[in-house]
PDB file of N, CA and C in Angstrom:
ATOM      1  N   UNK A   1       0.846  -1.157   0.000  1.00  0.00           N
ATOM      2  CA  UNK A   1       0.000   0.000   0.000  1.00  0.00           C
ATOM      3  C   UNK A   1       0.895   1.224   0.000  1.00  0.00           C
ATOM      4  N   UNK A   2       0.626   2.176  -0.847  1.00  0.00           N
ATOM      5  CA  UNK A   2       1.414   3.396  -0.920  1.00  0.00           C
ATOM      6  C   UNK A   2       0.548   4.608  -0.635  1.00  0.00           C
ATOM      7  N   UNK A   3       1.079   5.513   0.166  1.00  0.00           N
ATOM      8  CA  UNK A   3       0.464   6.815   0.392  1.00  0.00           C
ATOM      9  C   UNK A   3       1.509   7.821  -0.065  1.00  0.00           C
ATOM     10  N   UNK A   4       1.210   8.576  -1.097  1.00  0.00           N
ATOM     11  CA  UNK A   4       2.229   9.453  -1.678  1.00  0.00           C
ATOM     12  C   UNK A   4       3.225   8.610  -2.437  1.00  0.00           C
ATOM     13  N   UNK A   5       4.518   8.883  -2.233  1.00  0.00           N
ATOM     14  CA  UNK A   5       5.548   8.155  -2.964  1.00  0.00           C
ATOM     15  C   UNK A   5       6.265   7.119  -2.112  1.00  0.00           C
ATOM     16  N   UNK A   6       6.105   7.185  -0.808  1.00  0.00           N
ATOM     17  CA  UNK A   6       6.793   6.253   0.084  1.00  0.00           C
ATOM     18  C   UNK A   6       5.874   5.090   0.448  1.00  0.00           C
ATOM     19  N   UNK A   7       6.382   3.852   0.486  1.00  0.00           N
ATOM     20  CA  UNK A   7       5.532   2.746   0.948  1.00  0.00           C
ATOM     21  C   UNK A   7       5.210   2.922   2.430  1.00  0.00           C
ATOM     22  N   UNK A   8       3.939   2.694   2.794  1.00  0.00           N
ATOM     23  CA  UNK A   8       3.550   2.840   4.196  1.00  0.00           C
ATOM     24  C   UNK A   8       3.341   1.492   4.858  1.00  0.00           C
ATOM     25  N   UNK A   9       3.233   0.426   4.071  1.00  0.00           N
ATOM     26  CA  UNK A   9       3.061  -0.897   4.643  1.00  0.00           C
ATOM     27  C   UNK A   9       3.767  -1.904   3.759  1.00  0.00           C
ATOM     28  N   UNK A  10       4.500  -2.834   4.387  1.00  0.00           N
ATOM     29  CA  UNK A  10       5.174  -3.898   3.653  1.00  0.00           C
ATOM     30  C   UNK A  10       4.775  -5.236   4.233  1.00  0.00           C
ATOM     31  N   UNK A  11       4.531  -6.196   3.372  1.00  0.00           N
ATOM     32  CA  UNK A  11       4.227  -7.568   3.778  1.00  0.00           C
ATOM     33  C   UNK A  11       5.427  -8.421   3.404  1.00  0.00           C
ATOM     34  N   UNK A  12       6.039  -9.057   4.396  1.00  0.00           N
ATOM     35  CA  UNK A  12       7.183  -9.924   4.155  1.00  0.00           C
ATOM     36  C   UNK A  12       6.717 -11.367   4.331  1.00  0.00           C
ATOM     37  N   UNK A  13       6.728 -12.131   3.271  1.00  0.00           N
ATOM     38  CA  UNK A  13       6.226 -13.491   3.335  1.00  0.00           C
ATOM     39  C   UNK A  13       7.278 -14.523   3.625  1.00  0.00           C
ATOM     40  N   UNK A  14       8.049 -14.904   2.632  1.00  0.00           N
ATOM     41  CA  UNK A  14       8.941 -16.061   2.710  1.00  0.00           C
ATOM     42  C   UNK A  14      10.049 -15.907   3.751  1.00  0.00           C
ATOM     43  N   UNK A  15      10.796 -14.815   3.713  1.00  0.00           N
ATOM     44  CA  UNK A  15      11.974 -14.738   4.573  1.00  0.00           C
ATOM     45  C   UNK A  15      11.695 -14.171   5.966  1.00  0.00           C
ATOM     46  N   UNK A  16      10.849 -13.152   6.097  1.00  0.00           N
ATOM     47  CA  UNK A  16      10.687 -12.487   7.386  1.00  0.00           C
ATOM     48  C   UNK A  16       9.361 -12.794   8.054  1.00  0.00           C
ATOM     49  N   UNK A  17       8.349 -13.140   7.311  1.00  0.00           N
ATOM     50  CA  UNK A  17       7.028 -13.434   7.871  1.00  0.00           C
ATOM     51  C   UNK A  17       6.563 -12.314   8.796  1.00  0.00           C
ATOM     52  N   UNK A  18       6.442 -11.109   8.266  1.00  0.00           N
ATOM     53  CA  UNK A  18       6.095  -9.958   9.095  1.00  0.00           C
ATOM     54  C   UNK A  18       5.292  -8.942   8.296  1.00  0.00           C
ATOM     55  N   UNK A  19       4.531  -8.148   9.013  1.00  0.00           N
ATOM     56  CA  UNK A  19       3.852  -6.981   8.462  1.00  0.00           C
ATOM     57  C   UNK A  19       4.474  -5.769   9.131  1.00  0.00           C
ATOM     58  N   UNK A  20       4.919  -4.814   8.327  1.00  0.00           N
ATOM     59  CA  UNK A  20       5.542  -3.610   8.867  1.00  0.00           C
ATOM     60  C   UNK A  20       4.767  -2.377   8.422  1.00  0.00           C
ATOM     61  N   UNK A  21       4.655  -1.395   9.336  1.00  0.00           N
ATOM     62  CA  UNK A  21       4.079  -0.091   9.022  1.00  0.00           C
ATOM     63  C   UNK A  21       5.174   0.950   9.167  1.00  0.00           C
ATOM     64  N   UNK A  22       5.293   1.832   8.182  1.00  0.00           N
ATOM     65  CA  UNK A  22       6.322   2.857   8.197  1.00  0.00           C
ATOM     66  C   UNK A  22       5.696   4.248   8.225  1.00  0.00           C
ATOM     67  N   UNK A  23       6.469   5.215   8.761  1.00  0.00           N
ATOM     68  CA  UNK A  23       6.019   6.604   8.706  1.00  0.00           C
ATOM     69  C   UNK A  23       6.357   7.184   7.340  1.00  0.00           C
ATOM     70  N   UNK A  24       6.074   8.454   7.144  1.00  0.00           N
ATOM     71  CA  UNK A  24       6.312   9.076   5.828  1.00  0.00           C
ATOM     72  C   UNK A  24       7.775   9.103   5.444  1.00  0.00           C
ATOM     73  N   UNK A  25       8.668   9.067   6.425  1.00  0.00           N
ATOM     74  CA  UNK A  25      10.097   9.057   6.139  1.00  0.00           C
ATOM     75  C   UNK A  25      10.655   7.672   5.875  1.00  0.00           C
ATOM     76  N   UNK A  26       9.811   6.648   5.925  1.00  0.00           N
ATOM     77  CA  UNK A  26      10.253   5.290   5.666  1.00  0.00           C
ATOM     78  C   UNK A  26      10.741   4.539   6.892  1.00  0.00           C
ATOM     79  N   UNK A  27      10.697   5.170   8.086  1.00  0.00           N
ATOM     80  CA  UNK A  27      11.108   4.482   9.312  1.00  0.00           C
ATOM     81  C   UNK A  27      10.019   3.510   9.757  1.00  0.00           C
ATOM     82  N   UNK A  28      10.448   2.339  10.236  1.00  0.00           N
ATOM     83  CA  UNK A  28       9.497   1.353  10.751  1.00  0.00           C
ATOM     84  C   UNK A  28       8.885   1.872  12.036  1.00  0.00           C
ATOM     85  N   UNK A  29       7.555   1.910  12.102  1.00  0.00           N
ATOM     86  CA  UNK A  29       6.837   2.354  13.290  1.00  0.00           C
ATOM     87  C   UNK A  29       6.241   1.171  14.044  1.00  0.00           C
ATOM     88  N   UNK A  30       5.884   0.107  13.310  1.00  0.00           N
ATOM     89  CA  UNK A  30       5.263  -1.063  13.927  1.00  0.00           C
ATOM     90  C   UNK A  30       5.575  -2.299  13.087  1.00  0.00           C
ATOM     91  N   UNK A  31       5.681  -3.434  13.791  1.00  0.00           N
ATOM     92  CA  UNK A  31       5.886  -4.697  13.092  1.00  0.00           C
ATOM     93  C   UNK A  31       5.165  -5.800  13.844  1.00  0.00           C
ATOM     94  N   UNK A  32       4.424  -6.600  13.116  1.00  0.00           N
ATOM     95  CA  UNK A  32       3.797  -7.807  13.646  1.00  0.00           C
ATOM     96  C   UNK A  32       4.451  -8.969  12.926  1.00  0.00           C
ATOM     97  N   UNK A  33       5.128  -9.856  13.704  1.00  0.00           N
ATOM     98  CA  UNK A  33       5.828 -10.950  13.043  1.00  0.00           C
ATOM     99  C   UNK A  33       5.183 -12.301  13.353  1.00  0.00           C
ATOM    100  N   UNK A  34       5.692 -13.331  12.725  1.00  0.00           N
ATOM    101  CA  UNK A  34       5.088 -14.658  12.846  1.00  0.00           C
ATOM    102  C   UNK A  34       5.331 -15.316  14.197  1.00  0.00           C
ATOM    103  N   UNK A  35       6.141 -14.698  15.057  1.00  0.00           N
ATOM    104  CA  UNK A  35       6.334 -15.197  16.419  1.00  0.00           C
ATOM    105  C   UNK A  35       5.294 -14.618  17.365  1.00  0.00           C
ATOM    106  N   UNK A  36       4.244 -13.983  16.810  1.00  0.00           N
ATOM    107  CA  UNK A  36       3.168 -13.333  17.573  1.00  0.00           C
ATOM    108  C   UNK A  36       3.710 -12.183  18.407  1.00  0.00           C
ATOM    109  N   UNK A  37       4.696 -11.507  17.896  1.00  0.00           N
ATOM    110  CA  UNK A  37       5.306 -10.364  18.580  1.00  0.00           C
ATOM    111  C   UNK A  37       4.899  -9.092  17.856  1.00  0.00           C
ATOM    112  N   UNK A  38       4.459  -8.108  18.624  1.00  0.00           N
ATOM    113  CA  UNK A  38       4.117  -6.800  18.089  1.00  0.00           C
ATOM    114  C   UNK A  38       5.104  -5.790  18.642  1.00  0.00           C
ATOM    115  N   UNK A  39       5.857  -5.160  17.763  1.00  0.00           N
ATOM    116  CA  UNK A  39       6.808  -4.121  18.152  1.00  0.00           C
ATOM    117  C   UNK A  39       6.255  -2.784  17.697  1.00  0.00           C
ATOM    118  N   UNK A  40       6.266  -1.805  18.599  1.00  0.00           N
ATOM    119  CA  UNK A  40       5.837  -0.447  18.274  1.00  0.00           C
ATOM    120  C   UNK A  40       6.957   0.516  18.610  1.00  0.00           C
ATOM    121  N   UNK A  41       7.139   1.513  17.768  1.00  0.00           N
ATOM    122  CA  UNK A  41       8.133   2.544  18.037  1.00  0.00           C
ATOM    123  C   UNK A  41       9.509   2.164  17.558  1.00  0.00           C
ATOM    124  N   UNK A  42      10.497   2.878  18.076  1.00  0.00           N
ATOM    125  CA  UNK A  42      11.873   2.707  17.652  1.00  0.00           C
ATOM    126  C   UNK A  42      12.283   3.854  16.750  1.00  0.00           C
ATOM    127  N   UNK A  43      13.556   4.094  16.639  1.00  0.00           N
ATOM    128  CA  UNK A  43      14.029   5.212  15.832  1.00  0.00           C
ATOM    129  C   UNK A  43      13.554   6.525  16.431  1.00  0.00           C
ATOM    130  N   UNK A  44      12.967   7.373  15.611  1.00  0.00           N
ATOM    131  CA  UNK A  44      12.481   8.659  16.106  1.00  0.00           C
ATOM    132  C   UNK A  44      11.059   8.569  16.652  1.00  0.00           C
ATOM    133  N   UNK A  45      10.472   7.380  16.648  1.00  0.00           N
ATOM    134  CA  UNK A  45       9.109   7.183  17.137  1.00  0.00           C
ATOM    135  C   UNK A  45       9.132   6.401  18.440  1.00  0.00           C
ATOM    136  N   UNK A  46       8.130   6.609  19.283  1.00  0.00           N
ATOM    137  CA  UNK A  46       8.032   5.870  20.532  1.00  0.00           C
ATOM    138  C   UNK A  46       6.751   5.072  20.536  1.00  0.00           C
ATOM    139  N   UNK A  47       6.804   3.879  21.127  1.00  0.00           N
ATOM    140  CA  UNK A  47       5.641   3.006  21.184  1.00  0.00           C
ATOM    141  C   UNK A  47       4.638   3.461  22.230  1.00  0.00           C
ATOM    142  N   UNK A  48       3.386   3.465  21.863  1.00  0.00           N
ATOM    143  CA  UNK A  48       2.329   3.967  22.735  1.00  0.00           C
ATOM    144  C   UNK A  48       1.072   3.166  22.416  1.00  0.00           C
ATOM    145  N   UNK A  49       0.510   2.505  23.406  1.00  0.00           N
ATOM    146  CA  UNK A  49      -0.735   1.765  23.209  1.00  0.00           C
ATOM    147  C   UNK A  49      -1.778   2.363  24.137  1.00  0.00           C
ATOM    148  N   UNK A  50      -2.907   2.719  23.580  1.00  0.00           N
ATOM    149  CA  UNK A  50      -4.004   3.273  24.355  1.00  0.00           C
ATOM    150  C   UNK A  50      -5.236   2.419  24.079  1.00  0.00           C
ATOM    151  N   UNK A  51      -5.799   1.802  25.134  1.00  0.00           N
ATOM    152  CA  UNK A  51      -7.019   1.023  24.992  1.00  0.00           C
ATOM    153  C   UNK A  51      -8.184   1.875  25.462  1.00  0.00           C
ATOM    154  N   UNK A  52      -9.209   1.958  24.637  1.00  0.00           N
ATOM    155  CA  UNK A  52     -10.371   2.780  24.936  1.00  0.00           C
ATOM    156  C   UNK A  52     -11.545   1.907  25.329  1.00  0.00           C
ATOM    157  N   UNK A  53     -12.388   2.439  26.217  1.00  0.00           N
ATOM    158  CA  UNK A  53     -13.606   1.729  26.579  1.00  0.00           C
ATOM    159  C   UNK A  53     -14.716   2.078  25.577  1.00  0.00           C
ATOM    160  N   UNK A  54     -15.919   1.561  25.797  1.00  0.00           N
ATOM    161  CA  UNK A  54     -17.008   1.772  24.842  1.00  0.00           C
ATOM    162  C   UNK A  54     -17.429   3.231  24.749  1.00  0.00           C
ATOM    163  N   UNK A  55     -17.111   4.058  25.760  1.00  0.00           N
ATOM    164  CA  UNK A  55     -17.435   5.485  25.734  1.00  0.00           C
ATOM    165  C   UNK A  55     -16.328   6.310  25.084  1.00  0.00           C
ATOM    166  N   UNK A  56     -15.234   5.659  24.695  1.00  0.00           N
ATOM    167  CA  UNK A  56     -14.120   6.362  24.075  1.00  0.00           C
ATOM    168  C   UNK A  56     -13.109   6.899  25.063  1.00  0.00           C
ATOM    169  N   UNK A  57     -13.261   6.569  26.349  1.00  0.00           N
ATOM    170  CA  UNK A  57     -12.302   6.996  27.366  1.00  0.00           C
ATOM    171  C   UNK A  57     -11.114   6.053  27.402  1.00  0.00           C
ATOM    172  N   UNK A  58      -9.940   6.609  27.682  1.00  0.00           N
ATOM    173  CA  UNK A  58      -8.729   5.801  27.785  1.00  0.00           C
ATOM    174  C   UNK A  58      -8.784   4.995  29.081  1.00  0.00           C
ATOM    175  N   UNK A  59      -8.848   3.669  28.954  1.00  0.00           N
ATOM    176  CA  UNK A  59      -8.916   2.834  30.145  1.00  0.00           C
ATOM    177  C   UNK A  59      -7.567   2.234  30.508  1.00  0.00           C
ATOM    178  N   UNK A  60      -6.693   2.045  29.521  1.00  0.00           N
ATOM    179  CA  UNK A  60      -5.344   1.535  29.773  1.00  0.00           C
ATOM    180  C   UNK A  60      -4.378   2.252  28.841  1.00  0.00           C
ATOM    181  N   UNK A  61      -3.221   2.612  29.392  1.00  0.00           N
ATOM    182  CA  UNK A  61      -2.210   3.304  28.607  1.00  0.00           C
ATOM    183  C   UNK A  61      -0.856   2.658  28.871  1.00  0.00           C
ATOM    184  N   UNK A  62      -0.190   2.256  27.806  1.00  0.00           N
ATOM    185  CA  UNK A  62       1.163   1.706  27.879  1.00  0.00           C
ATOM    186  C   UNK A  62       2.068   2.660  27.109  1.00  0.00           C
ATOM    187  N   UNK A  63       2.971   3.319  27.813  1.00  0.00           N
ATOM    188  CA  UNK A  63       3.837   4.321  27.208  1.00  0.00           C
ATOM    189  C   UNK A  63       5.246   3.753  27.090  1.00  0.00           C
ATOM    190  N   UNK A  64       5.648   3.400  25.890  1.00  0.00           N
ATOM    191  CA  UNK A  64       6.954   2.800  25.658  1.00  0.00           C
ATOM    192  C   UNK A  64       8.110   3.752  25.859  1.00  0.00           C
ATOM    193  N   UNK A  65       7.883   5.045  25.704  1.00  0.00           N
ATOM    194  CA  UNK A  65       8.944   6.017  25.895  1.00  0.00           C
ATOM    195  C   UNK A  65       9.304   6.158  27.371  1.00  0.00           C
ATOM    196  N   UNK A  66       8.296   6.245  28.240  1.00  0.00           N
ATOM    197  CA  UNK A  66       8.513   6.358  29.685  1.00  0.00           C
ATOM    198  C   UNK A  66       8.659   4.997  30.351  1.00  0.00           C
ATOM    199  N   UNK A  67       8.073   3.961  29.740  1.00  0.00           N
ATOM    200  CA  UNK A  67       8.034   2.653  30.374  1.00  0.00           C
ATOM    201  C   UNK A  67       6.955   2.571  31.436  1.00  0.00           C
ATOM    202  N   UNK A  68       5.930   3.409  31.316  1.00  0.00           N
ATOM    203  CA  UNK A  68       4.894   3.490  32.343  1.00  0.00           C
ATOM    204  C   UNK A  68       3.587   2.853  31.885  1.00  0.00           C
ATOM    205  N   UNK A  69       2.735   2.539  32.877  1.00  0.00           N
ATOM    206  CA  UNK A  69       1.412   1.959  32.633  1.00  0.00           C
ATOM    207  C   UNK A  69       0.406   2.753  33.453  1.00  0.00           C
ATOM    208  N   UNK A  70      -0.672   3.182  32.817  1.00  0.00           N
ATOM    209  CA  UNK A  70      -1.733   3.894  33.513  1.00  0.00           C
ATOM    210  C   UNK A  70      -3.061   3.193  33.308  1.00  0.00           C
ATOM    211  N   UNK A  71      -3.903   3.199  34.335  1.00  0.00           N
ATOM    212  CA  UNK A  71      -5.241   2.612  34.252  1.00  0.00           C
ATOM    213  C   UNK A  71      -6.266   3.677  34.604  1.00  0.00           C
ATOM    214  N   UNK A  72      -7.374   3.694  33.864  1.00  0.00           N
ATOM    215  CA  UNK A  72      -8.424   4.663  34.112  1.00  0.00           C
ATOM    216  C   UNK A  72      -9.700   4.000  34.583  1.00  0.00           C
ATOM    217  N   UNK A  73     -10.565   4.795  35.229  1.00  0.00           N
ATOM    218  CA  UNK A  73     -11.859   4.284  35.673  1.00  0.00           C
ATOM    219  C   UNK A  73     -12.902   4.458  34.564  1.00  0.00           C
ATOM    220  N   UNK A  74     -14.153   4.167  34.877  1.00  0.00           N
ATOM    221  CA  UNK A  74     -15.221   4.210  33.875  1.00  0.00           C
ATOM    222  C   UNK A  74     -15.452   5.605  33.311  1.00  0.00           C
ATOM    223  N   UNK A  75     -15.060   6.651  34.035  1.00  0.00           N
ATOM    224  CA  UNK A  75     -15.273   8.011  33.541  1.00  0.00           C
ATOM    225  C   UNK A  75     -14.035   8.586  32.843  1.00  0.00           C
ATOM    226  N   UNK A  76     -12.988   7.790  32.699  1.00  0.00           N
ATOM    227  CA  UNK A  76     -11.795   8.226  31.999  1.00  0.00           C
ATOM    228  C   UNK A  76     -10.740   8.851  32.872  1.00  0.00           C
ATOM    229  N   UNK A  77     -10.971   8.924  34.176  1.00  0.00           N
ATOM    230  CA  UNK A  77      -9.966   9.470  35.093  1.00  0.00           C
ATOM    231  C   UNK A  77      -8.915   8.420  35.409  1.00  0.00           C
ATOM    232  N   UNK A  78      -7.651   8.838  35.431  1.00  0.00           N
ATOM    233  CA  UNK A  78      -6.578   7.907  35.768  1.00  0.00           C
ATOM    234  C   UNK A  78      -6.642   7.592  37.257  1.00  0.00           C
ATOM    235  N   UNK A  79      -6.692   6.302  37.593  1.00  0.00           N
ATOM    236  CA  UNK A  79      -6.796   5.887  38.994  1.00  0.00           C
ATOM    237  C   UNK A  79      -5.579   5.097  39.464  1.00  0.00           C
ATOM    238  N   UNK A  80      -4.742   4.658  38.540  1.00  0.00           N
ATOM    239  CA  UNK A  80      -3.544   3.937  38.911  1.00  0.00           C
ATOM    240  C   UNK A  80      -2.460   4.247  37.889  1.00  0.00           C
ATOM    241  N   UNK A  81      -1.235   4.413  38.371  1.00  0.00           N
ATOM    242  CA  UNK A  81      -0.142   4.756  37.478  1.00  0.00           C
ATOM    243  C   UNK A  81       1.129   4.102  37.991  1.00  0.00           C
ATOM    244  N   UNK A  82       1.759   3.293  37.177  1.00  0.00           N
ATOM    245  CA  UNK A  82       3.021   2.643  37.515  1.00  0.00           C
ATOM    246  C   UNK A  82       4.127   3.359  36.758  1.00  0.00           C
ATOM    247  N   UNK A  83       5.038   3.957  37.499  1.00  0.00           N
ATOM    248  CA  UNK A  83       6.125   4.717  36.903  1.00  0.00           C
ATOM    249  C   UNK A  83       7.457   4.137  37.368  1.00  0.00           C
ATOM    250  N   UNK A  84       8.154   3.407  36.500  1.00  0.00           N
ATOM    251  CA  UNK A  84       9.429   2.799  36.906  1.00  0.00           C
ATOM    252  C   UNK A  84      10.566   3.804  37.022  1.00  0.00           C
ATOM    253  N   UNK A  85      10.332   5.049  36.628  1.00  0.00           N
ATOM    254  CA  UNK A  85      11.380   6.071  36.669  1.00  0.00           C
ATOM    255  C   UNK A  85      11.030   7.217  37.606  1.00  0.00           C
ATOM    256  N   UNK A  86      10.269   6.936  38.653  1.00  0.00           N
ATOM    257  CA  UNK A  86       9.876   7.984  39.605  1.00  0.00           C
ATOM    258  C   UNK A  86      11.088   8.464  40.391  1.00  0.00           C
ATOM    259  N   UNK A  87      10.937   9.578  41.038  1.00  0.00           N
ATOM    260  CA  UNK A  87      12.027  10.105  41.856  1.00  0.00           C
ATOM    261  C   UNK A  87      13.083  10.759  41.011  1.00  0.00           C
ATOM    262  N   UNK A  88      14.305  10.285  41.102  1.00  0.00           N
ATOM    263  CA  UNK A  88      15.408  10.948  40.409  1.00  0.00           C
ATOM    264  C   UNK A  88      15.601  10.431  38.983  1.00  0.00           C
ATOM    265  N   UNK A  89      14.627   9.743  38.449  1.00  0.00           N
ATOM    266  CA  UNK A  89      14.720   9.299  37.062  1.00  0.00           C
ATOM    267  C   UNK A  89      15.350   7.939  36.875  1.00  0.00           C
ATOM    268  N   UNK A  90      15.316   7.075  37.838  1.00  0.00           N
ATOM    269  CA  UNK A  90      15.852   5.747  37.628  1.00  0.00           C
ATOM    270  C   UNK A  90      16.160   4.987  38.893  1.00  0.00           C
ATOM    271  N   UNK A  91      16.371   5.687  40.003  1.00  0.00           N
ATOM    272  CA  UNK A  91      16.725   5.008  41.234  1.00  0.00           C
ATOM    273  C   UNK A  91      15.515   4.375  41.898  1.00  0.00           C
ATOM    274  N   UNK A  92      14.331   4.940  41.681  1.00  0.00           N
ATOM    275  CA  UNK A  92      13.114   4.468  42.338  1.00  0.00           C
ATOM    276  C   UNK A  92      12.043   4.119  41.316  1.00  0.00           C
ATOM    277  N   UNK A  93      11.127   3.273  41.709  1.00  0.00           N
ATOM    278  CA  UNK A  93       9.897   3.003  40.968  1.00  0.00           C
ATOM    279  C   UNK A  93       8.745   3.400  41.874  1.00  0.00           C
ATOM    280  N   UNK A  94       7.617   3.724  41.277  1.00  0.00           N
ATOM    281  CA  UNK A  94       6.476   4.144  42.084  1.00  0.00           C
ATOM    282  C   UNK A  94       5.182   3.632  41.485  1.00  0.00           C
ATOM    283  N   UNK A  95       4.277   3.248  42.362  1.00  0.00           N
ATOM    284  CA  UNK A  95       2.919   2.874  41.975  1.00  0.00           C
ATOM    285  C   UNK A  95       1.995   3.862  42.663  1.00  0.00           C
ATOM    286  N   UNK A  96       1.301   4.664  41.872  1.00  0.00           N
ATOM    287  CA  UNK A  96       0.402   5.674  42.408  1.00  0.00           C
ATOM    288  C   UNK A  96      -1.026   5.142  42.326  1.00  0.00           C
ATOM    289  N   UNK A  97      -1.717   5.116  43.451  1.00  0.00           N
ATOM    290  CA  UNK A  97      -3.105   4.657  43.508  1.00  0.00           C
ATOM    291  C   UNK A  97      -3.980   5.818  43.943  1.00  0.00           C
ATOM    292  N   UNK A  98      -5.206   5.809  43.484  1.00  0.00           N
ATOM    293  CA  UNK A  98      -6.152   6.824  43.902  1.00  0.00           C
ATOM    294  C   UNK A  98      -6.365   7.873  42.851  1.00  0.00           C
ATOM    295  N   UNK A  99      -5.399   8.795  42.711  1.00  0.00           N
ATOM    296  CA  UNK A  99      -5.514   9.904  41.768  1.00  0.00           C
ATOM    297  C   UNK A  99      -6.876  10.577  41.900  1.00  0.00           C
ATOM    298  N   UNK A 100      -7.173  11.122  43.063  1.00  0.00           N
ATOM    299  CA  UNK A 100      -8.440  11.793  43.303  1.00  0.00           C
ATOM    300  C   UNK A 100      -9.442  10.942  44.054  1.00  0.00           C
ATOM    301  N   UNK A 101      -9.105   9.688  44.281  1.00  0.00           N
ATOM    302  CA  UNK A 101      -9.947   8.770  45.043  1.00  0.00           C
ATOM    303  C   UNK A 101      -9.090   8.178  46.156  1.00  0.00           C
ATOM    304  N   UNK A 102      -9.735   7.500  47.076  1.00  0.00           N
ATOM    305  CA  UNK A 102      -8.972   6.816  48.125  1.00  0.00           C
ATOM    306  C   UNK A 102      -8.188   5.677  47.480  1.00  0.00           C
ATOM    307  N   UNK A 103      -6.893   5.635  47.704  1.00  0.00           N
ATOM    308  CA  UNK A 103      -6.068   4.567  47.155  1.00  0.00           C
ATOM    309  C   UNK A 103      -5.875   3.465  48.179  1.00  0.00           C
ATOM    310  N   UNK A 104      -6.128   2.252  47.774  1.00  0.00           N
ATOM    311  CA  UNK A 104      -5.969   1.108  48.662  1.00  0.00           C
ATOM    312  C   UNK A 104      -5.029   0.120  47.971  1.00  0.00           C
ATOM    313  N   UNK A 105      -4.003  -0.295  48.673  1.00  0.00           N
ATOM    314  CA  UNK A 105      -3.080  -1.301  48.152  1.00  0.00           C
ATOM    315  C   UNK A 105      -3.251  -2.574  48.964  1.00  0.00           C
ATOM    316  N   UNK A 106      -3.423  -3.676  48.262  1.00  0.00           N
ATOM    317  CA  UNK A 106      -3.553  -4.978  48.913  1.00  0.00           C
ATOM    318  C   UNK A 106      -2.492  -5.899  48.322  1.00  0.00           C
ATOM    319  N   UNK A 107      -1.638  -6.423  49.176  1.00  0.00           N
ATOM    320  CA  UNK A 107      -0.653  -7.415  48.747  1.00  0.00           C
ATOM    321  C   UNK A 107      -1.120  -8.778  49.222  1.00  0.00           C
ATOM    322  N   UNK A 108      -1.052  -9.750  48.337  1.00  0.00           N
ATOM    323  CA  UNK A 108      -1.515 -11.095  48.667  1.00  0.00           C
ATOM    324  C   UNK A 108      -0.352 -12.073  48.618  1.00  0.00           C
ATOM    325  N   UNK A 109      -0.431 -13.111  49.459  1.00  0.00           N
ATOM    326  CA  UNK A 109       0.596 -14.156  49.423  1.00  0.00           C
ATOM    327  C   UNK A 109       0.280 -15.141  48.313  1.00  0.00           C
ATOM    328  N   UNK A 110       1.101 -16.158  48.147  1.00  0.00           N
ATOM    329  CA  UNK A 110       0.904 -17.090  47.036  1.00  0.00           C
ATOM    330  C   UNK A 110      -0.392 -17.895  47.135  1.00  0.00           C
ATOM    331  N   UNK A 111      -0.989 -17.963  48.343  1.00  0.00           N
ATOM    332  CA  UNK A 111      -2.281 -18.639  48.507  1.00  0.00           C
ATOM    333  C   UNK A 111      -3.455 -17.711  48.184  1.00  0.00           C
ATOM    334  N   UNK A 112      -3.163 -16.425  47.915  1.00  0.00           N
ATOM    335  CA  UNK A 112      -4.209 -15.480  47.587  1.00  0.00           C
ATOM    336  C   UNK A 112      -4.788 -14.757  48.772  1.00  0.00           C
ATOM    337  N   UNK A 113      -4.229 -14.967  49.950  1.00  0.00           N
ATOM    338  CA  UNK A 113      -4.706 -14.300  51.159  1.00  0.00           C
ATOM    339  C   UNK A 113      -4.007 -12.958  51.326  1.00  0.00           C
ATOM    340  N   UNK A 114      -4.766 -11.951  51.854  1.00  0.00           N
ATOM    341  CA  UNK A 114      -4.179 -10.642  52.083  1.00  0.00           C
ATOM    342  C   UNK A 114      -3.051 -10.742  53.104  1.00  0.00           C
ATOM    343  N   UNK A 115      -1.883 -10.180  52.774  1.00  0.00           N
ATOM    344  CA  UNK A 115      -0.767 -10.168  53.705  1.00  0.00           C
ATOM    345  C   UNK A 115      -0.494  -8.749  54.194  1.00  0.00           C
ATOM    346  N   UNK A 116      -0.728  -7.750  53.359  1.00  0.00           N
ATOM    347  CA  UNK A 116      -0.564  -6.351  53.737  1.00  0.00           C
ATOM    348  C   UNK A 116      -1.680  -5.558  53.068  1.00  0.00           C
ATOM    349  N   UNK A 117      -2.369  -4.701  53.835  1.00  0.00           N
ATOM    350  CA  UNK A 117      -3.372  -3.789  53.276  1.00  0.00           C
ATOM    351  C   UNK A 117      -3.065  -2.406  53.791  1.00  0.00           C
ATOM    352  N   UNK A 118      -2.982  -1.452  52.907  1.00  0.00           N
ATOM    353  CA  UNK A 118      -2.717  -0.041  53.267  1.00  0.00           C
ATOM    354  C   UNK A 118      -3.727   0.834  52.594  1.00  0.00           C
TER     355      UNK A 118
END
């Protein structure tokens, strides 16, 4: 498939078994290969996956540039955020709960019983 003069999608059958999507400059932005692996981003682009609910609100966000994961509630407000680069940019990780609501953390043991609740 071509948009303008640059190919925007390539299908590799025999040797690579992959589907690739490129930006206007020809850089690979996404690849789905036969190992059931989906790669997004790379080069000058960053991988970003946003899952929307039936109302169009972002319910899950995976940010490949930051390495973070965010979860939203039914109204689209972020209620949980995992940031592996919190603090000084690498020494700490942080899990933020609540975001405008009461945050409750429950840790369970391998039997599924609550071991710590905060």
